[in-house]
C-alpha atoms as a PDB file:
ATOM      1  CA  MET A   1      86.105 154.514 122.132  1.00  0.00           C
ATOM      2  CA  ILE A   2      85.955 155.524 118.478  1.00  0.00           C
ATOM      3  CA  ILE A   3      89.760 155.648 118.294  1.00  0.00           C
ATOM      4  CA  PHE A   4      89.977 152.190 119.847  1.00  0.00           C
ATOM      5  CA  SER A   5      87.537 150.781 117.265  1.00  0.00           C
ATOM      6  CA  ILE A   6      89.511 152.333 114.429  1.00  0.00           C
ATOM      7  CA  LEU A   7      92.741 150.800 115.765  1.00  0.00           C
ATOM      8  CA  ARG A   8      91.108 147.383 116.009  1.00  0.00           C
ATOM      9  CA  LEU A   9      89.869 147.712 112.417  1.00  0.00           C
ATOM     10  CA  LEU A  10      93.328 148.686 111.147  1.00  0.00           C
ATOM     11  CA  ALA A  11      94.926 145.785 113.024  1.00  0.00           C
ATOM     12  CA  SER A  12      92.419 143.389 111.508  1.00  0.00           C
ATOM     13  CA  ILE A  13      93.122 144.676 107.981  1.00  0.00           C
ATOM     14  CA  LEU A  14      96.889 144.433 108.443  1.00  0.00           C
ATOM     15  CA  CYS A  15      96.643 140.911 109.826  1.00  0.00           C
ATOM     16  CA  THR A  16      94.444 139.793 106.928  1.00  0.00           C
ATOM     17  CA  SER A  17      96.828 141.327 104.391  1.00  0.00           C
ATOM     18  CA  TYR A  18      99.815 139.570 105.970  1.00  0.00           C
ATOM     19  CA  VAL A  19      98.094 136.184 105.922  1.00  0.00           C
ATOM     20  CA  ARG A  20      97.078 136.618 102.281  1.00  0.00           C
ATOM     21  CA  ALA A  21     100.614 137.686 101.300  1.00  0.00           C
ATOM     22  CA  PHE A  22     102.148 134.710 103.098  1.00  0.00           C
ATOM     23  CA  ALA A  23      99.666 132.322 101.520  1.00  0.00           C
ATOM     24  CA  THR A  24     100.406 133.707  98.068  1.00  0.00           C
ATOM     25  CA  GLN A  25     104.152 133.426  98.613  1.00  0.00           C
ATOM     26  CA  THR A  26     103.833 129.860  99.836  1.00  0.00           C
ATOM     27  CA  ALA A  27     101.607 128.891  96.920  1.00  0.00           C
ATOM     28  CA  ASN A  28     104.130 130.301  94.452  1.00  0.00           C
ATOM     29  CA  THR A  29     107.087 128.481  96.028  1.00  0.00           C
ATOM     30  CA  PRO A  30     107.641 125.045  94.456  1.00  0.00           C
ATOM     31  CA  HIS A  31     107.395 122.152  96.904  1.00  0.00           C
ATOM     32  CA  LEU A  32     110.768 120.478  97.107  1.00  0.00           C
ATOM     33  CA  ASN A  33     110.710 116.753  97.683  1.00  0.00           C
ATOM     34  CA  THR A  34     114.208 115.618  98.693  1.00  0.00           C
ATOM     35  CA  LYS A  35     113.149 112.139  99.776  1.00  0.00           C
ATOM     36  CA  GLN A  36     114.825 109.398  97.766  1.00  0.00           C
ATOM     37  CA  HIS A  37     111.911 107.423  96.312  1.00  0.00           C
ATOM     38  CA  THR A  38     114.410 105.274  94.419  1.00  0.00           C
ATOM     39  CA  THR A  39     117.553 103.835  95.975  1.00  0.00           C
ATOM     40  CA  ILE A  40     120.850 105.280  94.789  1.00  0.00           C
ATOM     41  CA  SER A  41     122.863 102.742  92.827  1.00  0.00           C
ATOM     42  CA  PHE A  42     126.129 102.799  90.921  1.00  0.00           C
ATOM     43  CA  THR A  43     127.567 101.492  87.673  1.00  0.00           C
ATOM     44  CA  GLU A  44     131.257 101.546  86.805  1.00  0.00           C
ATOM     45  CA  VAL A  45     132.072 102.147  83.142  1.00  0.00           C
ATOM     46  CA  SER A  46     135.359 101.639  81.314  1.00  0.00           C
ATOM     47  CA  ILE A  47     136.711 104.823  79.721  1.00  0.00           C
ATOM     48  CA  GLU A  48     138.282 102.678  77.018  1.00  0.00           C
ATOM     49  CA  ASP A  49     135.085 101.244  75.540  1.00  0.00           C
ATOM     50  CA  GLY A  50     132.132 102.351  77.673  1.00  0.00           C
ATOM     51  CA  LYS A  51     131.371  98.830  78.877  1.00  0.00           C
ATOM     52  CA  GLY A  52     130.628  97.935  82.469  1.00  0.00           C
ATOM     53  CA  ILE A  53     133.552  96.956  84.667  1.00  0.00           C
ATOM     54  CA  ASN A  54     133.427  93.437  86.155  1.00  0.00           C
ATOM     55  CA  SER A  55     131.254  92.300  83.263  1.00  0.00           C
ATOM     56  CA  ASP A  56     132.287  89.328  81.122  1.00  0.00           C
ATOM     57  CA  ASP A  57     134.410  91.708  79.049  1.00  0.00           C
ATOM     58  CA  HIS A  58     136.170  93.319  82.018  1.00  0.00           C
ATOM     59  CA  GLN A  59     137.465  90.929  84.660  1.00  0.00           C
ATOM     60  CA  THR A  60     139.732  92.778  87.089  1.00  0.00           C
ATOM     61  CA  THR A  61     141.368  92.313  90.470  1.00  0.00           C
ATOM     62  CA  THR A  62     141.936  95.993  91.256  1.00  0.00           C
ATOM     63  CA  THR A  63     139.620  98.055  93.460  1.00  0.00           C
ATOM     64  CA  ILE A  64     137.281 100.768  92.209  1.00  0.00           C
ATOM     65  CA  GLY A  65     139.394 103.349  94.026  1.00  0.00           C
ATOM     66  CA  GLU A  66     142.529 102.204  92.216  1.00  0.00           C
ATOM     67  CA  ARG A  67     140.814 102.281  88.825  1.00  0.00           C
ATOM     68  CA  ILE A  68     139.432 105.782  89.412  1.00  0.00           C
ATOM     69  CA  LYS A  69     142.841 106.996  90.582  1.00  0.00           C
ATOM     70  CA  CYS A  70     144.498 105.592  87.452  1.00  0.00           C
ATOM     71  CA  GLY A  71     141.865 107.111  85.161  1.00  0.00           C
ATOM     72  CA  GLU A  72     140.547 103.791  83.876  1.00  0.00           C
ATOM     73  CA  SER A  73     136.858 104.224  84.628  1.00  0.00           C
ATOM     74  CA  VAL A  74     133.924 106.508  85.387  1.00  0.00           C
ATOM     75  CA  ILE A  75     131.260 105.795  87.994  1.00  0.00           C
ATOM     76  CA  GLN A  76     127.605 106.630  87.445  1.00  0.00           C
ATOM     77  CA  LEU A  77     125.518 107.262  90.567  1.00  0.00           C
ATOM     78  CA  GLU A  78     121.922 106.779  89.493  1.00  0.00           C
ATOM     79  CA  ASN A  79     119.137 108.610  91.384  1.00  0.00           C
ATOM     80  CA  LEU A  80     121.527 110.786  93.386  1.00  0.00           C
ATOM     81  CA  ALA A  81     119.317 113.882  93.032  1.00  0.00           C
ATOM     82  CA  THR A  82     115.533 113.685  92.988  1.00  0.00           C
ATOM     83  CA  MET A  83     113.412 114.852  90.083  1.00  0.00           C
ATOM     84  CA  ASP A  84     112.020 117.689  92.218  1.00  0.00           C
ATOM     85  CA  GLU A  85     115.527 118.847  93.132  1.00  0.00           C
ATOM     86  CA  CYS A  86     116.616 118.829  89.502  1.00  0.00           C
ATOM     87  CA  LYS A  87     113.569 120.777  88.309  1.00  0.00           C
ATOM     88  CA  LEU A  88     113.913 123.389  91.040  1.00  0.00           C
ATOM     89  CA  LEU A  89     117.648 123.838  90.488  1.00  0.00           C
ATOM     90  CA  VAL A  90     117.359 124.102  86.707  1.00  0.00           C
ATOM     91  CA  ASN A  91     114.561 126.683  86.872  1.00  0.00           C
ATOM     92  CA  ARG A  92     116.143 128.773  89.626  1.00  0.00           C
ATOM     93  CA  CYS A  93     119.673 128.699  88.187  1.00  0.00           C
ATOM     94  CA  ILE A  94     118.580 129.656  84.662  1.00  0.00           C
ATOM     95  CA  GLN A  95     116.416 132.435  86.069  1.00  0.00           C
ATOM     96  CA  TYR A  96     119.299 133.682  88.215  1.00  0.00           C
ATOM     97  CA  ALA A  97     121.791 133.515  85.336  1.00  0.00           C
ATOM     98  CA  ASN A  98     119.495 135.654  83.186  1.00  0.00           C
ATOM     99  CA  ASN A  99     119.502 138.394  85.798  1.00  0.00           C
ATOM    100  CA  ILE A 100     123.146 138.634  86.846  1.00  0.00           C
ATOM    101  CA  THR A 101     125.814 140.829  85.307  1.00  0.00           C
ATOM    102  CA  PRO A 102     128.126 138.784  83.064  1.00  0.00           C
ATOM    103  CA  THR A 103     131.723 138.371  84.245  1.00  0.00           C
ATOM    104  CA  ARG A 104     133.828 139.263  81.216  1.00  0.00           C
ATOM    105  CA  GLN A 105     136.898 137.373  82.403  1.00  0.00           C
ATOM    106  CA  LEU A 106     134.935 134.154  82.915  1.00  0.00           C
ATOM    107  CA  ASP A 107     131.799 133.832  80.852  1.00  0.00           C
ATOM    108  CA  LYS A 108     132.214 132.513  77.335  1.00  0.00           C
ATOM    109  CA  PRO A 109     129.600 132.324  74.557  1.00  0.00           C
ATOM    110  CA  GLY A 110     127.054 129.740  75.583  1.00  0.00           C
ATOM    111  CA  LEU A 111     128.454 129.160  79.096  1.00  0.00           C
ATOM    112  CA  VAL A 112     127.699 130.811  82.432  1.00  0.00           C
ATOM    113  CA  ARG A 113     129.450 129.535  85.569  1.00  0.00           C
ATOM    114  CA  ILE A 114     127.944 130.398  88.969  1.00  0.00           C
ATOM    115  CA  PRO A 115     129.699 129.448  92.235  1.00  0.00           C
ATOM    116  CA  THR A 116     128.159 128.308  95.488  1.00  0.00           C
ATOM    117  CA  MET A 117     128.391 130.690  98.432  1.00  0.00           C
ATOM    118  CA  ASP A 118     131.402 128.893  99.936  1.00  0.00           C
ATOM    119  CA  ALA A 119     133.202 128.898  96.583  1.00  0.00           C
ATOM    120  CA  TYR A 120     132.508 132.614  96.250  1.00  0.00           C
ATOM    121  CA  LYS A 121     133.892 133.316  99.738  1.00  0.00           C
ATOM    122  CA  ARG A 122     137.093 131.380  99.001  1.00  0.00           C
ATOM    123  CA  ALA A 123     137.514 133.281  95.726  1.00  0.00           C
ATOM    124  CA  GLN A 124     137.149 136.589  97.542  1.00  0.00           C
ATOM    125  CA  LEU A 125     139.787 135.624 100.105  1.00  0.00           C
ATOM    126  CA  SER A 126     142.272 134.784  97.346  1.00  0.00           C
ATOM    127  CA  ASN A 127     141.344 137.815  95.176  1.00  0.00           C
ATOM    128  CA  THR A 128     140.146 135.461  92.433  1.00  0.00           C
ATOM    129  CA  VAL A 129     137.747 136.862  89.842  1.00  0.00           C
ATOM    130  CA  CYS A 130     134.394 135.232  90.444  1.00  0.00           C
ATOM    131  CA  ALA A 131     130.735 135.645  89.539  1.00  0.00           C
ATOM    132  CA  GLU A 132     128.163 136.462  92.210  1.00  0.00           C
ATOM    133  CA  PRO A 133     127.115 133.366  94.173  1.00  0.00           C
ATOM    134  CA  LEU A 134     123.879 131.443  93.936  1.00  0.00           C
ATOM    135  CA  PRO A 135     120.961 132.363  96.251  1.00  0.00           C
ATOM    136  CA  SER A 136     121.060 130.768  99.703  1.00  0.00           C
ATOM    137  CA  ASP A 137     118.071 128.461  99.170  1.00  0.00           C
ATOM    138  CA  VAL A 138     119.566 127.081  95.957  1.00  0.00           C
ATOM    139  CA  ASP A 139     122.914 126.780  97.701  1.00  0.00           C
ATOM    140  CA  ASP A 140     121.336 124.714 100.494  1.00  0.00           C
ATOM    141  CA  VAL A 141     119.920 122.199  98.011  1.00  0.00           C
ATOM    142  CA  LEU A 142     123.293 121.828  96.286  1.00  0.00           C
ATOM    143  CA  GLN A 143     125.091 121.320  99.597  1.00  0.00           C
ATOM    144  CA  ASN A 144     122.601 118.606 100.535  1.00  0.00           C
ATOM    145  CA  ILE A 145     123.180 116.798  97.242  1.00  0.00           C
ATOM    146  CA  LEU A 146     126.960 117.014  97.607  1.00  0.00           C
ATOM    147  CA  SER A 147     126.782 115.695 101.175  1.00  0.00           C
ATOM    148  CA  ARG A 148     124.509 112.874  99.982  1.00  0.00           C
ATOM    149  CA  ALA A 149     127.003 111.873  97.288  1.00  0.00           C
ATOM    150  CA  ILE A 150     129.915 111.870  99.705  1.00  0.00           C
ATOM    151  CA  SER A 151     127.979 109.855 102.294  1.00  0.00           C
ATOM    152  CA  TYR A 152     127.132 107.268  99.636  1.00  0.00           C
ATOM    153  CA  ILE A 153     130.802 107.040  98.637  1.00  0.00           C
ATOM    154  CA  ASP A 154     131.844 106.455 102.256  1.00  0.00           C
ATOM    155  CA  ASP A 155     129.206 103.757 102.752  1.00  0.00           C
ATOM    156  CA  GLU A 156     129.055 101.974  99.393  1.00  0.00           C
ATOM    157  CA  LEU A 157     132.353 102.820  97.660  1.00  0.00           C
ATOM    158  CA  PRO A 158     134.822 102.846 100.575  1.00  0.00           C
ATOM    159  CA  SER A 159     137.862 102.200  98.380  1.00  0.00           C
ATOM    160  CA  LEU A 160     137.377 105.702  96.928  1.00  0.00           C
ATOM    161  CA  SER A 161     137.624 107.185 100.417  1.00  0.00           C
ATOM    162  CA  THR A 162     140.693 105.201 101.430  1.00  0.00           C
ATOM    163  CA  THR A 163     142.553 105.266  98.099  1.00  0.00           C
ATOM    164  CA  LEU A 164     141.861 108.856  97.050  1.00  0.00           C
ATOM    165  CA  PHE A 165     141.560 110.606 100.416  1.00  0.00           C
ATOM    166  CA  ASN A 166     143.414 108.332 102.859  1.00  0.00           C
ATOM    167  CA  THR A 167     140.424 108.258 105.194  1.00  0.00           C
ATOM    168  CA  ASN A 168     137.391 106.161 106.027  1.00  0.00           C
ATOM    169  CA  SER A 169     135.130 109.207 105.983  1.00  0.00           C
ATOM    170  CA  ILE A 170     135.215 111.955 103.353  1.00  0.00           C
ATOM    171  CA  SER A 171     132.060 113.231 105.100  1.00  0.00           C
ATOM    172  CA  THR A 172     134.159 114.054 108.157  1.00  0.00           C
ATOM    173  CA  LEU A 173     136.626 115.985 105.990  1.00  0.00           C
ATOM    174  CA  LEU A 174     133.724 117.933 104.500  1.00  0.00           C
ATOM    175  CA  GLN A 175     132.236 118.717 107.909  1.00  0.00           C
ATOM    176  CA  ASN A 176     135.633 119.821 109.262  1.00  0.00           C
ATOM    177  CA  ASN A 177     136.346 122.018 106.238  1.00  0.00           C
ATOM    178  CA  GLN A 178     139.292 119.817 105.237  1.00  0.00           C
ATOM    179  CA  LEU A 179     138.495 119.499 101.541  1.00  0.00           C
ATOM    180  CA  LYS A 180     140.241 121.651  98.956  1.00  0.00           C
ATOM    181  CA  PHE A 181     138.012 122.451  95.986  1.00  0.00           C
ATOM    182  CA  SER A 182     139.050 123.612  92.540  1.00  0.00           C
ATOM    183  CA  SER A 183     138.889 127.353  92.041  1.00  0.00           C
ATOM    184  CA  ARG A 184     135.306 128.714  91.978  1.00  0.00           C
ATOM    185  CA  GLU A 185     133.835 125.312  92.841  1.00  0.00           C
ATOM    186  CA  PRO A 186     131.424 123.823  93.690  1.00  0.00           C
ATOM    187  CA  ALA A 187     129.573 125.566  90.888  1.00  0.00           C
ATOM    188  CA  ILE A 188     126.701 125.438  88.446  1.00  0.00           C
ATOM    189  CA  ASN A 189     127.551 125.457  84.730  1.00  0.00           C
ATOM    190  CA  ILE A 190     124.765 126.567  82.401  1.00  0.00           C
ATOM    191  CA  TYR A 191     125.328 125.680  78.740  1.00  0.00           C
ATOM    192  CA  THR A 192     123.268 127.126  75.906  1.00  0.00           C
ATOM    193  CA  THR A 193     123.702 126.882  72.118  1.00  0.00           C
ATOM    194  CA  GLY A 194     127.412 126.623  71.320  1.00  0.00           C
ATOM    195  CA  GLY A 195     128.406 126.373  74.970  1.00  0.00           C
ATOM    196  CA  GLN A 196     131.191 123.946  75.810  1.00  0.00           C
ATOM    197  CA  PHE A 197     134.062 123.320  78.215  1.00  0.00           C
ATOM    198  CA  LEU A 198     137.295 122.464  76.425  1.00  0.00           C
ATOM    199  CA  ALA A 199     139.304 119.337  77.232  1.00  0.00           C
ATOM    200  CA  HIS A 200     141.203 119.487  80.526  1.00  0.00           C
ATOM    201  CA  LYS A 201     142.225 117.588  83.645  1.00  0.00           C
ATOM    202  CA  ASP A 202     140.835 118.647  87.022  1.00  0.00           C
ATOM    203  CA  ALA A 203     144.035 117.664  88.914  1.00  0.00           C
ATOM    204  CA  GLN A 204     142.058 116.844  92.065  1.00  0.00           C
ATOM    205  CA  SER A 205     141.438 113.524  93.801  1.00  0.00           C
ATOM    206  CA  LEU A 206     137.817 113.277  92.667  1.00  0.00           C
ATOM    207  CA  THR A 207     135.258 115.113  90.545  1.00  0.00           C
ATOM    208  CA  ILE A 208     131.509 114.802  91.058  1.00  0.00           C
ATOM    209  CA  LEU A 209     129.580 116.066  88.033  1.00  0.00           C
ATOM    210  CA  ILE A 210     125.777 115.992  88.156  1.00  0.00           C
ATOM    211  CA  PRO A 211     123.698 116.793  85.051  1.00  0.00           C
ATOM    212  CA  LEU A 212     120.510 118.435  86.361  1.00  0.00           C
ATOM    213  CA  SER A 213     118.739 118.948  83.031  1.00  0.00           C
ATOM    214  CA  SER A 214     116.764 116.187  81.389  1.00  0.00           C
ATOM    215  CA  SER A 215     118.407 114.776  78.271  1.00  0.00           C
ATOM    216  CA  THR A 216     115.353 115.993  76.336  1.00  0.00           C
ATOM    217  CA  ASP A 217     116.027 119.627  77.311  1.00  0.00           C
ATOM    218  CA  PHE A 218     118.940 119.975  74.892  1.00  0.00           C
ATOM    219  CA  THR A 219     120.709 118.424  71.924  1.00  0.00           C
ATOM    220  CA  GLY A 220     124.427 117.796  71.739  1.00  0.00           C
ATOM    221  CA  GLY A 221     126.134 118.132  75.100  1.00  0.00           C
ATOM    222  CA  GLY A 222     127.399 115.386  77.381  1.00  0.00           C
ATOM    223  CA  THR A 223     130.820 114.755  78.918  1.00  0.00           C
ATOM    224  CA  ALA A 224     133.608 113.337  76.732  1.00  0.00           C
ATOM    225  CA  PHE A 225     136.480 111.248  78.108  1.00  0.00           C
ATOM    226  CA  TRP A 226     139.890 110.220  76.750  1.00  0.00           C
ATOM    227  CA  THR A 227     141.910 107.166  77.796  1.00  0.00           C
ATOM    228  CA  GLN A 228     145.245 107.485  79.579  1.00  0.00           C
ATOM    229  CA  ASP A 229     147.156 106.223  76.525  1.00  0.00           C
ATOM    230  CA  SER A 230     145.420 108.632  74.144  1.00  0.00           C
ATOM    231  CA  ARG A 231     147.723 110.777  71.997  1.00  0.00           C
ATOM    232  CA  GLY A 232     145.736 113.795  73.135  1.00  0.00           C
ATOM    233  CA  HIS A 233     142.447 115.543  72.567  1.00  0.00           C
ATOM    234  CA  ARG A 234     143.887 117.676  69.788  1.00  0.00           C
ATOM    235  CA  VAL A 235     144.594 114.642  67.583  1.00  0.00           C
ATOM    236  CA  GLU A 236     142.164 111.971  68.824  1.00  0.00           C
ATOM    237  CA  GLU A 237     138.429 111.848  69.332  1.00  0.00           C
ATOM    238  CA  PRO A 238     137.202 110.918  72.836  1.00  0.00           C
ATOM    239  CA  SER A 239     136.862 107.211  73.572  1.00  0.00           C
ATOM    240  CA  ILE A 240     133.419 107.658  75.183  1.00  0.00           C
ATOM    241  CA  ILE A 241     130.817 110.376  75.714  1.00  0.00           C
ATOM    242  CA  GLN A 242     128.629 110.082  78.795  1.00  0.00           C
ATOM    243  CA  LYS A 243     125.155 111.593  78.573  1.00  0.00           C
ATOM    244  CA  PRO A 244     122.921 110.117  81.299  1.00  0.00           C
ATOM    245  CA  LYS A 245     119.293 109.758  80.238  1.00  0.00           C
ATOM    246  CA  SER A 246     117.996 110.564  83.724  1.00  0.00           C
ATOM    247  CA  CYS A 247     118.691 113.921  85.342  1.00  0.00           C
ATOM    248  CA  GLY A 248     120.293 113.660  88.769  1.00  0.00           C
ATOM    249  CA  THR A 249     122.647 110.836  87.723  1.00  0.00           C
ATOM    250  CA  ALA A 250     126.149 111.796  88.851  1.00  0.00           C
ATOM    251  CA  LEU A 251     129.452 111.035  87.133  1.00  0.00           C
ATOM    252  CA  LEU A 252     132.483 110.370  89.356  1.00  0.00           C
ATOM    253  CA  PHE A 253     136.034 110.336  87.961  1.00  0.00           C
ATOM    254  CA  GLY A 254     139.626 111.003  88.909  1.00  0.00           C
ATOM    255  CA  GLY A 255     141.732 114.095  88.433  1.00  0.00           C
ATOM    256  CA  CYS A 256     144.083 112.563  85.851  1.00  0.00           C
ATOM    257  CA  VAL A 257     141.295 111.981  83.327  1.00  0.00           C
ATOM    258  CA  THR A 258     141.135 114.240  80.277  1.00  0.00           C
ATOM    259  CA  HIS A 259     137.511 115.219  79.727  1.00  0.00           C
ATOM    260  CA  SER A 260     135.415 117.987  78.193  1.00  0.00           C
ATOM    261  CA  GLY A 261     131.930 119.435  78.136  1.00  0.00           C
ATOM    262  CA  VAL A 262     130.628 118.687  74.628  1.00  0.00           C
ATOM    263  CA  ALA A 263     129.116 121.675  72.819  1.00  0.00           C
ATOM    264  CA  VAL A 264     125.362 122.074  73.188  1.00  0.00           C
ATOM    265  CA  GLU A 265     123.613 122.361  69.823  1.00  0.00           C
ATOM    266  CA  SER A 266     120.269 123.639  71.110  1.00  0.00           C
ATOM    267  CA  GLY A 267     118.395 124.068  74.370  1.00  0.00           C
ATOM    268  CA  GLU A 268     119.892 124.485  77.850  1.00  0.00           C
ATOM    269  CA  ARG A 269     122.051 122.084  79.857  1.00  0.00           C
ATOM    270  CA  VAL A 270     122.588 122.705  83.583  1.00  0.00           C
ATOM    271  CA  VAL A 271     125.342 120.841  85.437  1.00  0.00           C
ATOM    272  CA  PHE A 272     126.536 120.860  89.057  1.00  0.00           C
ATOM    273  CA  VAL A 273     130.277 120.202  89.443  1.00  0.00           C
ATOM    274  CA  ALA A 274     132.645 119.824  92.389  1.00  0.00           C
ATOM    275  CA  SER A 275     136.300 118.744  92.110  1.00  0.00           C
ATOM    276  CA  PHE A 276     138.184 118.305  95.368  1.00  0.00           C
ATOM    277  CA  SER A 277     141.041 116.736  97.336  1.00  0.00           C
ATOM    278  CA  SER A 278     141.907 116.383 100.997  1.00  0.00           C
ATOM    279  CA  SER A 279     143.575 119.531 102.293  1.00  0.00           C
ATOM    280  CA  LYS A 280     145.241 117.378 104.969  1.00  0.00           C
ATOM    281  CA  GLU A 281     147.359 115.618 102.362  1.00  0.00           C
ATOM    282  CA  GLY A 282     148.600 118.765 100.649  1.00  0.00           C
ATOM    283  CA  SER A 283     148.186 119.311  96.920  1.00  0.00           C
ATOM    284  CA  ASP A 284     150.526 119.429  93.959  1.00  0.00           C
ATOM    285  CA  VAL A 285     147.980 121.370  91.892  1.00  0.00           C
ATOM    286  CA  ASN A 286     149.682 124.292  90.208  1.00  0.00           C
ATOM    287  CA  GLN A 287     147.528 127.311  91.054  1.00  0.00           C
ATOM    288  CA  ALA A 288     148.284 129.205  87.846  1.00  0.00           C
ATOM    289  CA  MET A 289     147.434 126.155  85.742  1.00  0.00           C
ATOM    290  CA  GLU A 290     144.268 125.585  87.745  1.00  0.00           C
ATOM    291  CA  GLU A 291     143.130 129.161  87.145  1.00  0.00           C
ATOM    292  CA  GLN A 292     143.814 128.814  83.412  1.00  0.00           C
ATOM    293  CA  ARG A 293     141.934 125.513  83.280  1.00  0.00           C
ATOM    294  CA  ASP A 294     139.008 126.934  85.193  1.00  0.00           C
ATOM    295  CA  ILE A 295     138.534 129.872  82.847  1.00  0.00           C
ATOM    296  CA  TYR A 296     139.340 128.347  79.492  1.00  0.00           C
ATOM    297  CA  GLY A 297     139.026 124.607  80.077  1.00  0.00           C
ATOM    298  CA  ASP A 298     142.296 123.798  78.300  1.00  0.00           C
ATOM    299  CA  SER A 299     145.580 123.599  80.204  1.00  0.00           C
ATOM    300  CA  LEU A 300     146.933 120.467  78.512  1.00  0.00           C
END
């Protein structure tokens, strides 16, 4: 009887400890609100002068898909990621980056590049040098955001799907693992003081770049773009620099566009990037050039 009472007491203590531990863990885990309180919308901007396409200054008869393919414009997707998603991703990614071992072949002063789990697996299969992947919970949030962007493109920007991917549903390609991503992408880029990504072309059908940090979290930074008739980034300044005021606003552009990550002067800038094409169509991307671009950001 005494032994039975002791066992009951121990069980009660263990149960209480477990409940307290779970409650503490739950309280310390940020609540993630992925519900879109504001409707996603888009704006198309001319790379030549930064003005809106189809405004009084830009009357055109071509489709958005054709203009993106030719490198004439950039699309902004406002409210793609929620404020809660951005805050969680920025905090978790910076924390993770501070605790991983630097990859000498990849990391440059002021820039850490961390792949998603799928990107890491593909790198391992091809014996490509790659940093350790992001944690699974962070990875899940990023995959949801990417899927959300692609679904919006299919529904609201169908000429991108048909012109760039020869399909009515990029979402189906994603679900069937029929998208070819640039090496080590999708990925998170974390820029600190002096961090930049040199001018380059992604050489994929489409790039989705999502600044996750608030514009007040850093100075400098942004994404610079050059026109198709530019003499080159080594002799000409970019025609426009895009620096969305609201975090979670995505930039969409084609693979023939020369662009760069402008150097951060202070603070921290966190960006999610995914460049991809349809694997069904084949790809003329030169693997050696892609690797060089991915590491150094300058294969032009």
